[in-house]
Amino acid sequence: AMDAAGKDSMIQHVMSGVNPQGCVVTSFKQPSTLELD
């Protein structure tokens, strides 16, 4: 989404009932030096 479209709150609300042990959220930021390799 574009900025401020509601991704974070979407994840927070829609996935609020799932067991945290079976659900992992990953946010992809600017690639690190290792990732660029």
All heavy atoms as atom14 arrays in JSON, in Angstrom:
{
  "sequence": "AMDAAGKDSMIQHVMSGVNPQGCVVTSFKQPSTLELD",
  "atom14_mask": [
    [1, 1, 1, 1, 1, 0, 0, 0, 0, 0, 0, 0, 0, 0],
    [1, 1, 1, 1, 1, 1, 1, 1, 0, 0, 0, 0, 0, 0],
    [1, 1, 1, 1, 1, 1, 1, 1, 0, 0, 0, 0, 0, 0],
    [1, 1, 1, 1, 1, 0, 0, 0, 0, 0, 0, 0, 0, 0],
    [1, 1, 1, 1, 1, 0, 0, 0, 0, 0, 0, 0, 0, 0],
    [1, 1, 1, 1, 0, 0, 0, 0, 0, 0, 0, 0, 0, 0],
    [1, 1, 1, 1, 1, 1, 1, 1, 1, 0, 0, 0, 0, 0],
    [1, 1, 1, 1, 1, 1, 1, 1, 0, 0, 0, 0, 0, 0],
    [1, 1, 1, 1, 1, 1, 0, 0, 0, 0, 0, 0, 0, 0],
    [1, 1, 1, 1, 1, 1, 1, 1, 0, 0, 0, 0, 0, 0],
    [1, 1, 1, 1, 1, 1, 1, 1, 0, 0, 0, 0, 0, 0],
    [1, 1, 1, 1, 1, 1, 1, 1, 1, 0, 0, 0, 0, 0],
    [1, 1, 1, 1, 1, 1, 1, 1, 1, 1, 0, 0, 0, 0],
    [1, 1, 1, 1, 1, 1, 1, 0, 0, 0, 0, 0, 0, 0],
    [1, 1, 1, 1, 1, 1, 1, 1, 0, 0, 0, 0, 0, 0],
    [1, 1, 1, 1, 1, 1, 0, 0, 0, 0, 0, 0, 0, 0],
    [1, 1, 1, 1, 0, 0, 0, 0, 0, 0, 0, 0, 0, 0],
    [1, 1, 1, 1, 1, 1, 1, 0, 0, 0, 0, 0, 0, 0],
    [1, 1, 1, 1, 1, 1, 1, 1, 0, 0, 0, 0, 0, 0],
    [1, 1, 1, 1, 1, 1, 1, 0, 0, 0, 0, 0, 0, 0],
    [1, 1, 1, 1, 1, 1, 1, 1, 1, 0, 0, 0, 0, 0],
    [1, 1, 1, 1, 0, 0, 0, 0, 0, 0, 0, 0, 0, 0],
    [1, 1, 1, 1, 1, 1, 0, 0, 0, 0, 0, 0, 0, 0],
    [1, 1, 1, 1, 1, 1, 1, 0, 0, 0, 0, 0, 0, 0],
    [1, 1, 1, 1, 1, 1, 1, 0, 0, 0, 0, 0, 0, 0],
    [1, 1, 1, 1, 1, 1, 1, 0, 0, 0, 0, 0, 0, 0],
    [1, 1, 1, 1, 1, 1, 0, 0, 0, 0, 0, 0, 0, 0],
    [1, 1, 1, 1, 1, 1, 1, 1, 1, 1, 1, 0, 0, 0],
    [1, 1, 1, 1, 1, 1, 1, 1, 1, 0, 0, 0, 0, 0],
    [1, 1, 1, 1, 1, 1, 1, 1, 1, 0, 0, 0, 0, 0],
    [1, 1, 1, 1, 1, 1, 1, 0, 0, 0, 0, 0, 0, 0],
    [1, 1, 1, 1, 1, 1, 0, 0, 0, 0, 0, 0, 0, 0],
    [1, 1, 1, 1, 1, 1, 1, 0, 0, 0, 0, 0, 0, 0],
    [1, 1, 1, 1, 1, 1, 1, 1, 0, 0, 0, 0, 0, 0],
    [1, 1, 1, 1, 1, 1, 1, 1, 1, 0, 0, 0, 0, 0],
    [1, 1, 1, 1, 1, 1, 1, 1, 0, 0, 0, 0, 0, 0],
    [1, 1, 1, 1, 1, 1, 1, 1, 0, 0, 0, 0, 0, 0]
  ],
  "atom14_positions": [
    [[0.84, -1.2, 0.0], [0.0, 0.0, 0.0], [0.87, 1.24, 0.0], [2.07, 1.18, 0.29], [-0.91, 0.02, 1.23], [0.0, 0.0, 0.0], [0.0, 0.0, 0.0], [0.0, 0.0, 0.0], [0.0, 0.0, 0.0], [0.0, 0.0, 0.0], [0.0, 0.0, 0.0], [0.0, 0.0, 0.0], [0.0, 0.0, 0.0], [0.0, 0.0, 0.0]],
    [[0.23, 2.35, -0.3], [0.87, 3.65, -0.11], [0.95, 3.94, 1.38], [0.27, 3.3, 2.19], [0.07, 4.74, -0.82], [-0.05, 4.57, -2.33], [1.51, 4.8, -3.2], [1.71, 6.59, -3.06], [0.0, 0.0, 0.0], [0.0, 0.0, 0.0], [0.0, 0.0, 0.0], [0.0, 0.0, 0.0], [0.0, 0.0, 0.0], [0.0, 0.0, 0.0]],
    [[1.77, 4.92, 1.76], [1.89, 5.3, 3.17], [0.53, 5.71, 3.73], [-0.27, 6.35, 3.04], [2.87, 6.47, 3.33], [4.3, 6.06, 3.01], [4.66, 4.91, 3.3], [5.04, 6.91, 2.48], [0.0, 0.0, 0.0], [0.0, 0.0, 0.0], [0.0, 0.0, 0.0], [0.0, 0.0, 0.0], [0.0, 0.0, 0.0], [0.0, 0.0, 0.0]],
    [[0.27, 5.31, 4.98], [-0.94, 5.67, 5.72], [-2.19, 4.97, 5.21], [-3.31, 5.38, 5.54], [-1.15, 7.18, 5.73], [0.0, 0.0, 0.0], [0.0, 0.0, 0.0], [0.0, 0.0, 0.0], [0.0, 0.0, 0.0], [0.0, 0.0, 0.0], [0.0, 0.0, 0.0], [0.0, 0.0, 0.0], [0.0, 0.0, 0.0], [0.0, 0.0, 0.0]],
    [[-2.04, 3.91, 4.44], [-3.21, 3.18, 3.93], [-3.8, 2.24, 4.97], [-4.91, 1.73, 4.79], [-2.84, 2.4, 2.68], [0.0, 0.0, 0.0], [0.0, 0.0, 0.0], [0.0, 0.0, 0.0], [0.0, 0.0, 0.0], [0.0, 0.0, 0.0], [0.0, 0.0, 0.0], [0.0, 0.0, 0.0], [0.0, 0.0, 0.0], [0.0, 0.0, 0.0]],
    [[-3.08, 1.99, 6.07], [-3.64, 1.18, 7.15], [-3.12, -0.24, 7.24], [-3.82, -1.1, 7.79], [0.0, 0.0, 0.0], [0.0, 0.0, 0.0], [0.0, 0.0, 0.0], [0.0, 0.0, 0.0], [0.0, 0.0, 0.0], [0.0, 0.0, 0.0], [0.0, 0.0, 0.0], [0.0, 0.0, 0.0], [0.0, 0.0, 0.0], [0.0, 0.0, 0.0]],
    [[-1.92, -0.49, 6.76], [-1.37, -1.86, 6.81], [-1.21, -2.35, 8.24], [-1.61, -3.47, 8.58], [-0.03, -1.93, 6.08], [-0.08, -1.63, 4.6], [1.25, -1.88, 3.93], [2.4, -1.12, 4.57], [2.21, 0.36, 4.54], [0.0, 0.0, 0.0], [0.0, 0.0, 0.0], [0.0, 0.0, 0.0], [0.0, 0.0, 0.0], [0.0, 0.0, 0.0]],
    [[-0.6, -1.52, 9.09], [-0.32, -1.93, 10.46], [-1.61, -2.23, 11.23], [-1.73, -3.26, 11.91], [0.47, -0.85, 11.2], [1.88, -0.67, 10.64], [2.34, -1.57, 9.91], [2.51, 0.36, 10.92], [0.0, 0.0, 0.0], [0.0, 0.0, 0.0], [0.0, 0.0, 0.0], [0.0, 0.0, 0.0], [0.0, 0.0, 0.0], [0.0, 0.0, 0.0]],
    [[-2.57, -1.33, 11.14], [-3.83, -1.54, 11.87], [-4.62, -2.69, 11.27], [-5.35, -3.38, 11.98], [-4.66, -0.25, 11.87], [-5.01, 0.15, 10.56], [0.0, 0.0, 0.0], [0.0, 0.0, 0.0], [0.0, 0.0, 0.0], [0.0, 0.0, 0.0], [0.0, 0.0, 0.0], [0.0, 0.0, 0.0], [0.0, 0.0, 0.0], [0.0, 0.0, 0.0]],
    [[-4.48, -2.92, 9.97], [-5.13, -4.06, 9.33], [-4.64, -5.36, 9.96], [-5.42, -6.23, 10.35], [-4.84, -4.06, 7.84], [-5.35, -5.28, 7.09], [-7.15, -5.35, 6.98], [-7.44, -4.05, 5.78], [0.0, 0.0, 0.0], [0.0, 0.0, 0.0], [0.0, 0.0, 0.0], [0.0, 0.0, 0.0], [0.0, 0.0, 0.0], [0.0, 0.0, 0.0]],
    [[-3.32, -5.49, 10.05], [-2.73, -6.69, 10.64], [-3.15, -6.84, 12.09], [-3.51, -7.93, 12.55], [-1.2, -6.63, 10.51], [-0.8, -6.67, 9.03], [-0.54, -7.79, 11.27], [0.66, -6.33, 8.77], [0.0, 0.0, 0.0], [0.0, 0.0, 0.0], [0.0, 0.0, 0.0], [0.0, 0.0, 0.0], [0.0, 0.0, 0.0], [0.0, 0.0, 0.0]],
    [[-3.13, -5.74, 12.82], [-3.47, -5.76, 14.24], [-4.91, -6.24, 14.46], [-5.16, -7.03, 15.37], [-3.3, -4.36, 14.83], [-3.65, -4.25, 16.3], [-3.55, -2.81, 16.81], [-3.04, -1.93, 16.12], [-4.04, -2.58, 18.01], [0.0, 0.0, 0.0], [0.0, 0.0, 0.0], [0.0, 0.0, 0.0], [0.0, 0.0, 0.0], [0.0, 0.0, 0.0]],
    [[-5.84, -5.77, 13.66], [-7.26, -6.11, 13.87], [-7.63, -7.47, 13.29], [-8.22, -8.3, 13.98], [-8.15, -5.02, 13.25], [-8.25, -3.78, 14.07], [-7.31, -2.77, 13.99], [-9.15, -3.38, 14.99], [-7.64, -1.79, 14.83], [-8.75, -2.14, 15.44], [0.0, 0.0, 0.0], [0.0, 0.0, 0.0], [0.0, 0.0, 0.0], [0.0, 0.0, 0.0]],
    [[-7.29, -7.69, 12.04], [-7.75, -8.91, 11.36], [-7.09, -10.16, 11.93], [-7.71, -11.23, 11.99], [-7.5, -8.8, 9.84], [-7.81, -10.1, 9.14], [-8.35, -7.67, 9.26], [0.0, 0.0, 0.0], [0.0, 0.0, 0.0], [0.0, 0.0, 0.0], [0.0, 0.0, 0.0], [0.0, 0.0, 0.0], [0.0, 0.0, 0.0], [0.0, 0.0, 0.0]],
    [[-5.85, -10.04, 12.37], [-5.12, -11.21, 12.88], [-5.12, -11.26, 14.4], [-4.36, -12.04, 14.99], [-3.68, -11.2, 12.35], [-3.54, -11.0, 10.86], [-4.48, -12.2, 9.86], [-3.63, -13.72, 10.27], [0.0, 0.0, 0.0], [0.0, 0.0, 0.0], [0.0, 0.0, 0.0], [0.0, 0.0, 0.0], [0.0, 0.0, 0.0], [0.0, 0.0, 0.0]],
    [[-5.97, -10.49, 15.05], [-5.93, -10.39, 16.51], [-6.31, -11.69, 17.22], [-5.94, -11.89, 18.38], [-6.86, -9.26, 16.98], [-8.21, -9.53, 16.6], [0.0, 0.0, 0.0], [0.0, 0.0, 0.0], [0.0, 0.0, 0.0], [0.0, 0.0, 0.0], [0.0, 0.0, 0.0], [0.0, 0.0, 0.0], [0.0, 0.0, 0.0], [0.0, 0.0, 0.0]],
    [[-7.03, -12.58, 16.54], [-7.47, -13.8, 17.21], [-6.57, -15.0, 17.03], [-6.77, -16.04, 17.66], [0.0, 0.0, 0.0], [0.0, 0.0, 0.0], [0.0, 0.0, 0.0], [0.0, 0.0, 0.0], [0.0, 0.0, 0.0], [0.0, 0.0, 0.0], [0.0, 0.0, 0.0], [0.0, 0.0, 0.0], [0.0, 0.0, 0.0], [0.0, 0.0, 0.0]],
    [[-5.56, -14.89, 16.17], [-4.74, -16.07, 15.88], [-3.7, -16.29, 16.96], [-3.31, -15.38, 17.69], [-4.04, -15.96, 14.5], [-5.05, -15.8, 13.39], [-3.06, -14.79, 14.49], [0.0, 0.0, 0.0], [0.0, 0.0, 0.0], [0.0, 0.0, 0.0], [0.0, 0.0, 0.0], [0.0, 0.0, 0.0], [0.0, 0.0, 0.0], [0.0, 0.0, 0.0]],
    [[-3.24, -17.53, 17.06], [-2.22, -17.89, 18.04], [-0.87, -17.31, 17.6], [-0.39, -17.65, 16.52], [-2.13, -19.41, 18.14], [-1.21, -19.87, 19.25], [-0.29, -19.16, 19.65], [-1.46, -21.06, 19.75], [0.0, 0.0, 0.0], [0.0, 0.0, 0.0], [0.0, 0.0, 0.0], [0.0, 0.0, 0.0], [0.0, 0.0, 0.0], [0.0, 0.0, 0.0]],
    [[-0.24, -16.46, 18.41], [1.03, -15.85, 18.03], [2.12, -16.88, 17.71], [3.04, -16.57, 16.93], [1.41, -15.02, 19.26], [0.15, -14.81, 20.0], [-0.7, -16.01, 19.73], [0.0, 0.0, 0.0], [0.0, 0.0, 0.0], [0.0, 0.0, 0.0], [0.0, 0.0, 0.0], [0.0, 0.0, 0.0], [0.0, 0.0, 0.0], [0.0, 0.0, 0.0]],
    [[2.02, -18.08, 18.29], [3.03, -19.1, 18.02], [2.99, -19.59, 16.58], [3.97, -20.12, 16.08], [2.85, -20.29, 18.97], [3.24, -19.99, 20.41], [3.13, -21.22, 21.3], [2.16, -21.96, 21.25], [4.15, -21.43, 22.11], [0.0, 0.0, 0.0], [0.0, 0.0, 0.0], [0.0, 0.0, 0.0], [0.0, 0.0, 0.0], [0.0, 0.0, 0.0]],
    [[1.86, -19.41, 15.93], [1.73, -19.88, 14.56], [1.59, -18.78, 13.55], [1.13, -19.0, 12.42], [0.0, 0.0, 0.0], [0.0, 0.0, 0.0], [0.0, 0.0, 0.0], [0.0, 0.0, 0.0], [0.0, 0.0, 0.0], [0.0, 0.0, 0.0], [0.0, 0.0, 0.0], [0.0, 0.0, 0.0], [0.0, 0.0, 0.0], [0.0, 0.0, 0.0]],
    [[1.98, -17.56, 13.93], [1.84, -16.41, 13.03], [3.03, -15.47, 13.2], [3.34, -15.06, 14.33], [0.54, -15.67, 13.34], [0.21, -14.25, 12.27], [0.0, 0.0, 0.0], [0.0, 0.0, 0.0], [0.0, 0.0, 0.0], [0.0, 0.0, 0.0], [0.0, 0.0, 0.0], [0.0, 0.0, 0.0], [0.0, 0.0, 0.0], [0.0, 0.0, 0.0]],
    [[3.71, -15.18, 12.1], [4.9, -14.32, 12.15], [4.72, -13.16, 11.17], [4.4, -13.38, 10.0], [6.18, -15.1, 11.8], [7.38, -14.17, 11.82], [6.39, -16.26, 12.77], [0.0, 0.0, 0.0], [0.0, 0.0, 0.0], [0.0, 0.0, 0.0], [0.0, 0.0, 0.0], [0.0, 0.0, 0.0], [0.0, 0.0, 0.0], [0.0, 0.0, 0.0]],
    [[4.92, -11.94, 11.65], [4.84, -10.74, 10.81], [6.25, -10.28, 10.49], [7.08, -10.13, 11.38], [4.07, -9.61, 11.51], [4.01, -8.37, 10.61], [2.66, -10.06, 11.89], [0.0, 0.0, 0.0], [0.0, 0.0, 0.0], [0.0, 0.0, 0.0], [0.0, 0.0, 0.0], [0.0, 0.0, 0.0], [0.0, 0.0, 0.0], [0.0, 0.0, 0.0]],
    [[6.52, -10.06, 9.2], [7.83, -9.58, 8.77], [7.66, -8.27, 8.01], [6.85, -8.19, 7.08], [8.53, -10.6, 7.84], [8.62, -11.86, 8.51], [9.93, -10.12, 7.48], [0.0, 0.0, 0.0], [0.0, 0.0, 0.0], [0.0, 0.0, 0.0], [0.0, 0.0, 0.0], [0.0, 0.0, 0.0], [0.0, 0.0, 0.0], [0.0, 0.0, 0.0]],
    [[8.39, -7.25, 8.42], [8.37, -5.97, 7.72], [9.68, -5.82, 6.97], [10.76, -6.03, 7.54], [8.22, -4.81, 8.72], [6.98, -4.88, 9.39], [0.0, 0.0, 0.0], [0.0, 0.0, 0.0], [0.0, 0.0, 0.0], [0.0, 0.0, 0.0], [0.0, 0.0, 0.0], [0.0, 0.0, 0.0], [0.0, 0.0, 0.0], [0.0, 0.0, 0.0]],
    [[9.59, -5.49, 5.71], [10.78, -5.36, 4.88], [11.15, -3.89, 4.72], [10.4, -3.1, 4.16], [10.56, -6.01, 3.51], [10.48, -7.51, 3.59], [9.25, -8.15, 3.7], [11.62, -8.29, 3.59], [9.17, -9.53, 3.8], [11.56, -9.66, 3.69], [10.33, -10.29, 3.79], [0.0, 0.0, 0.0], [0.0, 0.0, 0.0], [0.0, 0.0, 0.0]],
    [[12.32, -3.57, 5.26], [12.83, -2.2, 5.19], [13.89, -2.13, 4.09], [14.02, -3.01, 3.26], [13.43, -1.82, 6.55], [12.49, -2.03, 7.73], [11.31, -1.08, 7.71], [10.47, -1.22, 8.97], [9.29, -0.31, 8.96], [0.0, 0.0, 0.0], [0.0, 0.0, 0.0], [0.0, 0.0, 0.0], [0.0, 0.0, 0.0], [0.0, 0.0, 0.0]],
    [[14.69, -1.07, 4.14], [15.81, -0.93, 3.2], [16.77, -2.1, 3.38], [17.12, -2.47, 4.5], [16.54, 0.39, 3.48], [17.68, 0.68, 2.52], [18.31, 2.03, 2.8], [17.7, 2.88, 3.45], [19.52, 2.24, 2.33], [0.0, 0.0, 0.0], [0.0, 0.0, 0.0], [0.0, 0.0, 0.0], [0.0, 0.0, 0.0], [0.0, 0.0, 0.0]],
    [[17.19, -2.75, 2.29], [18.06, -3.93, 2.4], [19.37, -3.62, 3.12], [19.94, -2.54, 2.95], [18.32, -4.33, 0.94], [17.21, -3.7, 0.17], [16.86, -2.44, 0.9], [0.0, 0.0, 0.0], [0.0, 0.0, 0.0], [0.0, 0.0, 0.0], [0.0, 0.0, 0.0], [0.0, 0.0, 0.0], [0.0, 0.0, 0.0], [0.0, 0.0, 0.0]],
    [[19.82, -4.59, 3.93], [21.1, -4.44, 4.62], [22.25, -4.76, 3.65], [22.02, -5.24, 2.53], [21.16, -5.4, 5.81], [21.16, -6.75, 5.34], [0.0, 0.0, 0.0], [0.0, 0.0, 0.0], [0.0, 0.0, 0.0], [0.0, 0.0, 0.0], [0.0, 0.0, 0.0], [0.0, 0.0, 0.0], [0.0, 0.0, 0.0], [0.0, 0.0, 0.0]],
    [[23.47, -4.54, 4.1], [24.64, -4.87, 3.27], [24.66, -6.36, 2.95], [24.95, -6.75, 1.81], [25.93, -4.47, 4.0], [25.89, -3.06, 4.29], [27.15, -4.77, 3.13], [0.0, 0.0, 0.0], [0.0, 0.0, 0.0], [0.0, 0.0, 0.0], [0.0, 0.0, 0.0], [0.0, 0.0, 0.0], [0.0, 0.0, 0.0], [0.0, 0.0, 0.0]],
    [[24.35, -7.18, 3.94], [24.31, -8.63, 3.73], [23.26, -9.0, 2.7], [23.51, -9.82, 1.8], [24.01, -9.34, 5.05], [23.82, -10.87, 4.98], [25.09, -11.55, 4.49], [23.4, -11.42, 6.33], [0.0, 0.0, 0.0], [0.0, 0.0, 0.0], [0.0, 0.0, 0.0], [0.0, 0.0, 0.0], [0.0, 0.0, 0.0], [0.0, 0.0, 0.0]],
    [[22.09, -8.39, 2.79], [21.01, -8.7, 1.86], [21.35, -8.25, 0.44], [20.98, -8.92, -0.53], [19.71, -8.06, 2.35], [19.17, -8.74, 3.61], [18.08, -7.94, 4.3], [17.94, -6.73, 4.01], [17.37, -8.53, 5.13], [0.0, 0.0, 0.0], [0.0, 0.0, 0.0], [0.0, 0.0, 0.0], [0.0, 0.0, 0.0], [0.0, 0.0, 0.0]],
    [[22.05, -7.15, 0.32], [22.43, -6.65, -1.0], [23.48, -7.54, -1.67], [23.66, -7.49, -2.88], [22.97, -5.22, -0.9], [21.92, -4.14, -0.62], [22.6, -2.8, -0.38], [20.92, -4.03, -1.77], [0.0, 0.0, 0.0], [0.0, 0.0, 0.0], [0.0, 0.0, 0.0], [0.0, 0.0, 0.0], [0.0, 0.0, 0.0], [0.0, 0.0, 0.0]],
    [[24.15, -8.37, -0.86], [25.14, -9.3, -1.4], [24.48, -10.57, -1.95], [25.18, -11.47, -2.43], [26.16, -9.69, -0.33], [27.3, -8.69, -0.23], [27.57, -8.01, -1.24], [27.9, -8.58, 0.83], [0.0, 0.0, 0.0], [0.0, 0.0, 0.0], [0.0, 0.0, 0.0], [0.0, 0.0, 0.0], [0.0, 0.0, 0.0], [0.0, 0.0, 0.0]]
  ]
}
